[in-house]
Amino acid sequence: MAVMLERWNDEKMDGLAAKVDRMDVRLGHVETELREQRKEMKAGFDKIEARFASLSLALIAAAGAVVAALIASPHL
């Protein structure tokens, strides 16, 4: 009975080890995909950051033009 129980336990442990190995492979694929997505997101955020920087420069230039126009206006 003890030998039979030990064999049953060994078979169960071997099956569990195989499942864990498969999960390790799956998690490796998920980790790789997540890294790729993070790179894509970072590239996208870098583009957005550059657009905001150029927009802020354009707004500052427009505000400067308005102030210059107000200063040059003879009606004030």
PDB file of N, CA and C in Angstrom:
ATOM      1  N   MET A   1       0.819  -1.192   0.000  1.00  0.00           N
ATOM      2  CA  MET A   1       0.000   0.000   0.000  1.00  0.00           C
ATOM      3  C   MET A   1       0.867   1.260   0.000  1.00  0.00           C
ATOM      4  N   ALA A   2       1.956   1.252   0.802  1.00  0.00           N
ATOM      5  CA  ALA A   2       2.822   2.419   0.883  1.00  0.00           C
ATOM      6  C   ALA A   2       3.541   2.659  -0.436  1.00  0.00           C
ATOM      7  N   VAL A   3       3.959   1.556  -1.119  1.00  0.00           N
ATOM      8  CA  VAL A   3       4.633   1.696  -2.401  1.00  0.00           C
ATOM      9  C   VAL A   3       3.673   2.266  -3.437  1.00  0.00           C
ATOM     10  N   MET A   4       2.447   1.819  -3.395  1.00  0.00           N
ATOM     11  CA  MET A   4       1.435   2.290  -4.321  1.00  0.00           C
ATOM     12  C   MET A   4       1.141   3.779  -4.100  1.00  0.00           C
ATOM     13  N   LEU A   5       1.060   4.172  -2.846  1.00  0.00           N
ATOM     14  CA  LEU A   5       0.810   5.578  -2.511  1.00  0.00           C
ATOM     15  C   LEU A   5       1.996   6.444  -2.923  1.00  0.00           C
ATOM     16  N   GLU A   6       3.201   5.934  -2.715  1.00  0.00           N
ATOM     17  CA  GLU A   6       4.406   6.686  -3.099  1.00  0.00           C
ATOM     18  C   GLU A   6       4.464   6.865  -4.616  1.00  0.00           C
ATOM     19  N   ARG A   7       4.120   5.809  -5.345  1.00  0.00           N
ATOM     20  CA  ARG A   7       4.122   5.893  -6.809  1.00  0.00           C
ATOM     21  C   ARG A   7       3.066   6.891  -7.272  1.00  0.00           C
ATOM     22  N   TRP A   8       1.898   6.860  -6.659  1.00  0.00           N
ATOM     23  CA  TRP A   8       0.816   7.787  -7.010  1.00  0.00           C
ATOM     24  C   TRP A   8       1.272   9.220  -6.752  1.00  0.00           C
ATOM     25  N   ASN A   9       1.911   9.442  -5.599  1.00  0.00           N
ATOM     26  CA  ASN A   9       2.409  10.785  -5.282  1.00  0.00           C
ATOM     27  C   ASN A   9       3.475  11.238  -6.282  1.00  0.00           C
ATOM     28  N   ASP A  10       4.379  10.330  -6.655  1.00  0.00           N
ATOM     29  CA  ASP A  10       5.426  10.660  -7.625  1.00  0.00           C
ATOM     30  C   ASP A  10       4.814  11.037  -8.975  1.00  0.00           C
ATOM     31  N   GLU A  11       3.793  10.290  -9.404  1.00  0.00           N
ATOM     32  CA  GLU A  11       3.134  10.597 -10.670  1.00  0.00           C
ATOM     33  C   GLU A  11       2.448  11.962 -10.605  1.00  0.00           C
ATOM     34  N   LYS A  12       1.803  12.237  -9.509  1.00  0.00           N
ATOM     35  CA  LYS A  12       1.138  13.533  -9.341  1.00  0.00           C
ATOM     36  C   LYS A  12       2.163  14.672  -9.337  1.00  0.00           C
ATOM     37  N   MET A  13       3.271  14.477  -8.673  1.00  0.00           N
ATOM     38  CA  MET A  13       4.305  15.509  -8.617  1.00  0.00           C
ATOM     39  C   MET A  13       4.927  15.728 -10.000  1.00  0.00           C
ATOM     40  N   ASP A  14       5.127  14.640 -10.761  1.00  0.00           N
ATOM     41  CA  ASP A  14       5.658  14.771 -12.113  1.00  0.00           C
ATOM     42  C   ASP A  14       4.684  15.542 -13.005  1.00  0.00           C
ATOM     43  N   GLY A  15       3.395  15.234 -12.862  1.00  0.00           N
ATOM     44  CA  GLY A  15       2.384  15.950 -13.635  1.00  0.00           C
ATOM     45  C   GLY A  15       2.349  17.421 -13.275  1.00  0.00           C
ATOM     46  N   LEU A  16       2.467  17.699 -11.997  1.00  0.00           N
ATOM     47  CA  LEU A  16       2.487  19.092 -11.541  1.00  0.00           C
ATOM     48  C   LEU A  16       3.724  19.818 -12.060  1.00  0.00           C
ATOM     49  N   ALA A  17       4.851  19.149 -12.048  1.00  0.00           N
ATOM     50  CA  ALA A  17       6.084  19.755 -12.547  1.00  0.00           C
ATOM     51  C   ALA A  17       5.952  20.092 -14.036  1.00  0.00           C
ATOM     52  N   ALA A  18       5.304  19.223 -14.801  1.00  0.00           N
ATOM     53  CA  ALA A  18       5.104  19.483 -16.234  1.00  0.00           C
ATOM     54  C   ALA A  18       4.201  20.693 -16.423  1.00  0.00           C
ATOM     55  N   LYS A  19       3.152  20.804 -15.608  1.00  0.00           N
ATOM     56  CA  LYS A  19       2.252  21.959 -15.704  1.00  0.00           C
ATOM     57  C   LYS A  19       2.976  23.251 -15.346  1.00  0.00           C
ATOM     58  N   VAL A  20       3.805  23.198 -14.335  1.00  0.00           N
ATOM     59  CA  VAL A  20       4.556  24.391 -13.924  1.00  0.00           C
ATOM     60  C   VAL A  20       5.521  24.810 -15.028  1.00  0.00           C
ATOM     61  N   ASP A  21       6.156  23.830 -15.674  1.00  0.00           N
ATOM     62  CA  ASP A  21       7.061  24.147 -16.778  1.00  0.00           C
ATOM     63  C   ASP A  21       6.318  24.824 -17.920  1.00  0.00           C
ATOM     64  N   ARG A  22       5.125  24.318 -18.238  1.00  0.00           N
ATOM     65  CA  ARG A  22       4.328  24.940 -19.299  1.00  0.00           C
ATOM     66  C   ARG A  22       3.922  26.354 -18.912  1.00  0.00           C
ATOM     67  N   MET A  23       3.588  26.561 -17.656  1.00  0.00           N
ATOM     68  CA  MET A  23       3.216  27.899 -17.200  1.00  0.00           C
ATOM     69  C   MET A  23       4.407  28.844 -17.271  1.00  0.00           C
ATOM     70  N   ASP A  24       5.599  28.349 -16.973  1.00  0.00           N
ATOM     71  CA  ASP A  24       6.802  29.177 -17.084  1.00  0.00           C
ATOM     72  C   ASP A  24       7.000  29.652 -18.522  1.00  0.00           C
ATOM     73  N   VAL A  25       6.770  28.759 -19.481  1.00  0.00           N
ATOM     74  CA  VAL A  25       6.915  29.122 -20.893  1.00  0.00           C
ATOM     75  C   VAL A  25       5.862  30.159 -21.268  1.00  0.00           C
ATOM     76  N   ARG A  26       4.622  29.933 -20.832  1.00  0.00           N
ATOM     77  CA  ARG A  26       3.548  30.884 -21.134  1.00  0.00           C
ATOM     78  C   ARG A  26       3.847  32.254 -20.519  1.00  0.00           C
ATOM     79  N   LEU A  27       4.285  32.258 -19.284  1.00  0.00           N
ATOM     80  CA  LEU A  27       4.586  33.529 -18.631  1.00  0.00           C
ATOM     81  C   LEU A  27       5.757  34.239 -19.308  1.00  0.00           C
ATOM     82  N   GLY A  28       6.687  33.476 -19.832  1.00  0.00           N
ATOM     83  CA  GLY A  28       7.789  34.073 -20.582  1.00  0.00           C
ATOM     84  C   GLY A  28       7.279  34.797 -21.821  1.00  0.00           C
ATOM     85  N   HIS A  29       6.301  34.181 -22.513  1.00  0.00           N
ATOM     86  CA  HIS A  29       5.715  34.824 -23.688  1.00  0.00           C
ATOM     87  C   HIS A  29       4.954  36.089 -23.291  1.00  0.00           C
ATOM     88  N   VAL A  30       4.222  36.014 -22.208  1.00  0.00           N
ATOM     89  CA  VAL A  30       3.470  37.181 -21.737  1.00  0.00           C
ATOM     90  C   VAL A  30       4.433  38.309 -21.358  1.00  0.00           C
ATOM     91  N   GLU A  31       5.505  37.972 -20.692  1.00  0.00           N
ATOM     92  CA  GLU A  31       6.490  38.977 -20.291  1.00  0.00           C
ATOM     93  C   GLU A  31       7.105  39.655 -21.522  1.00  0.00           C
ATOM     94  N   THR A  32       7.401  38.874 -22.542  1.00  0.00           N
ATOM     95  CA  THR A  32       7.958  39.430 -23.775  1.00  0.00           C
ATOM     96  C   THR A  32       6.964  40.373 -24.437  1.00  0.00           C
ATOM     97  N   GLU A  33       5.701  39.971 -24.497  1.00  0.00           N
ATOM     98  CA  GLU A  33       4.669  40.823 -25.099  1.00  0.00           C
ATOM     99  C   GLU A  33       4.509  42.115 -24.310  1.00  0.00           C
ATOM    100  N   LEU A  34       4.525  42.024 -22.994  1.00  0.00           N
ATOM    101  CA  LEU A  34       4.379  43.226 -22.174  1.00  0.00           C
ATOM    102  C   LEU A  34       5.549  44.182 -22.380  1.00  0.00           C
ATOM    103  N   ARG A  35       6.743  43.652 -22.519  1.00  0.00           N
ATOM    104  CA  ARG A  35       7.901  44.517 -22.779  1.00  0.00           C
ATOM    105  C   ARG A  35       7.763  45.234 -24.113  1.00  0.00           C
ATOM    106  N   GLU A  36       7.281  44.512 -25.129  1.00  0.00           N
ATOM    107  CA  GLU A  36       7.079  45.137 -26.434  1.00  0.00           C
ATOM    108  C   GLU A  36       6.020  46.233 -26.354  1.00  0.00           C
ATOM    109  N   GLN A  37       4.936  45.967 -25.624  1.00  0.00           N
ATOM    110  CA  GLN A  37       3.883  46.969 -25.474  1.00  0.00           C
ATOM    111  C   GLN A  37       4.385  48.191 -24.714  1.00  0.00           C
ATOM    112  N   ARG A  38       5.205  47.975 -23.714  1.00  0.00           N
ATOM    113  CA  ARG A  38       5.766  49.111 -22.974  1.00  0.00           C
ATOM    114  C   ARG A  38       6.642  49.975 -23.882  1.00  0.00           C
ATOM    115  N   LYS A  39       7.419  49.340 -24.755  1.00  0.00           N
ATOM    116  CA  LYS A  39       8.254  50.095 -25.695  1.00  0.00           C
ATOM    117  C   LYS A  39       7.389  50.914 -26.639  1.00  0.00           C
ATOM    118  N   GLU A  40       6.309  50.298 -27.140  1.00  0.00           N
ATOM    119  CA  GLU A  40       5.412  51.017 -28.039  1.00  0.00           C
ATOM    120  C   GLU A  40       4.743  52.187 -27.319  1.00  0.00           C
ATOM    121  N   MET A  41       4.306  51.959 -26.091  1.00  0.00           N
ATOM    122  CA  MET A  41       3.666  53.024 -25.323  1.00  0.00           C
ATOM    123  C   MET A  41       4.645  54.157 -25.047  1.00  0.00           C
ATOM    124  N   LYS A  42       5.866  53.811 -24.704  1.00  0.00           N
ATOM    125  CA  LYS A  42       6.864  54.849 -24.430  1.00  0.00           C
ATOM    126  C   LYS A  42       7.128  55.675 -25.677  1.00  0.00           C
ATOM    127  N   ALA A  43       7.209  55.026 -26.822  1.00  0.00           N
ATOM    128  CA  ALA A  43       7.421  55.758 -28.077  1.00  0.00           C
ATOM    129  C   ALA A  43       6.242  56.683 -28.348  1.00  0.00           C
ATOM    130  N   GLY A  44       5.032  56.202 -28.107  1.00  0.00           N
ATOM    131  CA  GLY A  44       3.852  57.036 -28.306  1.00  0.00           C
ATOM    132  C   GLY A  44       3.824  58.222 -27.357  1.00  0.00           C
ATOM    133  N   PHE A  45       4.159  57.990 -26.099  1.00  0.00           N
ATOM    134  CA  PHE A  45       4.177  59.082 -25.124  1.00  0.00           C
ATOM    135  C   PHE A  45       5.279  60.083 -25.442  1.00  0.00           C
ATOM    136  N   ASP A  46       6.398  59.619 -25.968  1.00  0.00           N
ATOM    137  CA  ASP A  46       7.462  60.540 -26.376  1.00  0.00           C
ATOM    138  C   ASP A  46       6.986  61.452 -27.503  1.00  0.00           C
ATOM    139  N   LYS A  47       6.220  60.887 -28.448  1.00  0.00           N
ATOM    140  CA  LYS A  47       5.667  61.699 -29.533  1.00  0.00           C
ATOM    141  C   LYS A  47       4.689  62.738 -28.985  1.00  0.00           C
ATOM    142  N   ILE A  48       3.830  62.324 -28.069  1.00  0.00           N
ATOM    143  CA  ILE A  48       2.857  63.250 -27.482  1.00  0.00           C
ATOM    144  C   ILE A  48       3.574  64.346 -26.713  1.00  0.00           C
ATOM    145  N   GLU A  49       4.611  63.983 -25.986  1.00  0.00           N
ATOM    146  CA  GLU A  49       5.381  64.972 -25.228  1.00  0.00           C
ATOM    147  C   GLU A  49       6.009  66.004 -26.161  1.00  0.00           C
ATOM    148  N   ALA A  50       6.524  65.546 -27.297  1.00  0.00           N
ATOM    149  CA  ALA A  50       7.113  66.471 -28.270  1.00  0.00           C
ATOM    150  C   ALA A  50       6.051  67.403 -28.847  1.00  0.00           C
ATOM    151  N   ARG A  51       4.863  66.882 -29.090  1.00  0.00           N
ATOM    152  CA  ARG A  51       3.781  67.727 -29.606  1.00  0.00           C
ATOM    153  C   ARG A  51       3.367  68.778 -28.583  1.00  0.00           C
ATOM    154  N   PHE A  52       3.281  68.390 -27.322  1.00  0.00           N
ATOM    155  CA  PHE A  52       2.936  69.363 -26.283  1.00  0.00           C
ATOM    156  C   PHE A  52       4.009  70.440 -26.158  1.00  0.00           C
ATOM    157  N   ALA A  53       5.259  70.056 -26.308  1.00  0.00           N
ATOM    158  CA  ALA A  53       6.342  71.038 -26.238  1.00  0.00           C
ATOM    159  C   ALA A  53       6.226  72.045 -27.377  1.00  0.00           C
ATOM    160  N   SER A  54       5.960  71.561 -28.578  1.00  0.00           N
ATOM    161  CA  SER A  54       5.822  72.489 -29.704  1.00  0.00           C
ATOM    162  C   SER A  54       4.562  73.329 -29.574  1.00  0.00           C
ATOM    163  N   LEU A  55       3.504  72.758 -29.028  1.00  0.00           N
ATOM    164  CA  LEU A  55       2.275  73.520 -28.803  1.00  0.00           C
ATOM    165  C   LEU A  55       2.494  74.625 -27.783  1.00  0.00           C
ATOM    166  N   SER A  56       3.217  74.337 -26.730  1.00  0.00           N
ATOM    167  CA  SER A  56       3.468  75.369 -25.716  1.00  0.00           C
ATOM    168  C   SER A  56       4.318  76.493 -26.293  1.00  0.00           C
ATOM    169  N   LEU A  57       5.278  76.167 -27.136  1.00  0.00           N
ATOM    170  CA  LEU A  57       6.077  77.209 -27.791  1.00  0.00           C
ATOM    171  C   LEU A  57       5.208  78.063 -28.710  1.00  0.00           C
ATOM    172  N   ALA A  58       4.288  77.414 -29.427  1.00  0.00           N
ATOM    173  CA  ALA A  58       3.395  78.161 -30.314  1.00  0.00           C
ATOM    174  C   ALA A  58       2.475  79.076 -29.505  1.00  0.00           C
ATOM    175  N   LEU A  59       1.994  78.593 -28.364  1.00  0.00           N
ATOM    176  CA  LEU A  59       1.132  79.429 -27.517  1.00  0.00           C
ATOM    177  C   LEU A  59       1.893  80.614 -26.936  1.00  0.00           C
ATOM    178  N   ILE A  60       3.124  80.393 -26.554  1.00  0.00           N
ATOM    179  CA  ILE A  60       3.945  81.493 -26.027  1.00  0.00           C
ATOM    180  C   ILE A  60       4.191  82.523 -27.130  1.00  0.00           C
ATOM    181  N   ALA A  61       4.468  82.061 -28.339  1.00  0.00           N
ATOM    182  CA  ALA A  61       4.688  82.983 -29.461  1.00  0.00           C
ATOM    183  C   ALA A  61       3.418  83.763 -29.774  1.00  0.00           C
ATOM    184  N   ALA A  62       2.274  83.100 -29.742  1.00  0.00           N
ATOM    185  CA  ALA A  62       1.005  83.786 -30.005  1.00  0.00           C
ATOM    186  C   ALA A  62       0.711  84.809 -28.922  1.00  0.00           C
ATOM    187  N   ALA A  63       0.957  84.445 -27.673  1.00  0.00           N
ATOM    188  CA  ALA A  63       0.739  85.397 -26.572  1.00  0.00           C
ATOM    189  C   ALA A  63       1.676  86.597 -26.720  1.00  0.00           C
ATOM    190  N   GLY A  64       2.906  86.355 -27.124  1.00  0.00           N
ATOM    191  CA  GLY A  64       3.845  87.451 -27.360  1.00  0.00           C
ATOM    192  C   GLY A  64       3.371  88.358 -28.476  1.00  0.00           C
ATOM    193  N   ALA A  65       2.821  87.775 -29.518  1.00  0.00           N
ATOM    194  CA  ALA A  65       2.308  88.571 -30.636  1.00  0.00           C
ATOM    195  C   ALA A  65       1.114  89.415 -30.190  1.00  0.00           C
ATOM    196  N   VAL A  66       0.245  88.867 -29.369  1.00  0.00           N
ATOM    197  CA  VAL A  66      -0.900  89.627 -28.864  1.00  0.00           C
ATOM    198  C   VAL A  66      -0.420  90.779 -27.993  1.00  0.00           C
ATOM    199  N   VAL A  67       0.527  90.513 -27.124  1.00  0.00           N
ATOM    200  CA  VAL A  67       1.051  91.567 -26.264  1.00  0.00           C
ATOM    201  C   VAL A  67       1.729  92.649 -27.100  1.00  0.00           C
ATOM    202  N   ALA A  68       2.494  92.259 -28.111  1.00  0.00           N
ATOM    203  CA  ALA A  68       3.137  93.250 -28.982  1.00  0.00           C
ATOM    204  C   ALA A  68       2.109  94.079 -29.738  1.00  0.00           C
ATOM    205  N   ALA A  69       1.040  93.421 -30.181  1.00  0.00           N
ATOM    206  CA  ALA A  69      -0.021  94.154 -30.892  1.00  0.00           C
ATOM    207  C   ALA A  69      -0.718  95.134 -29.973  1.00  0.00           C
ATOM    208  N   LEU A  70      -0.935  94.738 -28.721  1.00  0.00           N
ATOM    209  CA  LEU A  70      -1.571  95.634 -27.756  1.00  0.00           C
ATOM    210  C   LEU A  70      -0.685  96.818 -27.424  1.00  0.00           C
ATOM    211  N   ILE A  71       0.602  96.565 -27.314  1.00  0.00           N
ATOM    212  CA  ILE A  71       1.539  97.648 -27.012  1.00  0.00           C
ATOM    213  C   ILE A  71       1.622  98.619 -28.195  1.00  0.00           C
ATOM    214  N   ALA A  72       1.603  98.085 -29.392  1.00  0.00           N
ATOM    215  CA  ALA A  72       1.718  98.924 -30.592  1.00  0.00           C
ATOM    216  C   ALA A  72       0.421  99.623 -30.943  1.00  0.00           C
ATOM    217  N   SER A  73      -0.656  99.211 -30.350  1.00  0.00           N
ATOM    218  CA  SER A  73      -1.957  99.816 -30.671  1.00  0.00           C
ATOM    219  C   SER A  73      -2.035 101.241 -30.141  1.00  0.00           C
ATOM    220  N   PRO A  74      -2.401 102.214 -30.989  1.00  0.00           N
ATOM    221  CA  PRO A  74      -2.451 103.615 -30.546  1.00  0.00           C
ATOM    222  C   PRO A  74      -3.716 103.928 -29.743  1.00  0.00           C
ATOM    223  N   HIS A  75      -4.694 103.053 -29.681  1.00  0.00           N
ATOM    224  CA  HIS A  75      -5.962 103.340 -29.012  1.00  0.00           C
ATOM    225  C   HIS A  75      -5.920 103.092 -27.512  1.00  0.00           C
ATOM    226  N   LEU A  76      -4.866 102.597 -26.985  1.00  0.00           N
ATOM    227  CA  LEU A  76      -4.818 102.350 -25.540  1.00  0.00           C
ATOM    228  C   LEU A  76      -4.157 103.503 -24.899  1.00  0.00           C
TER     229      LEU A  76
END
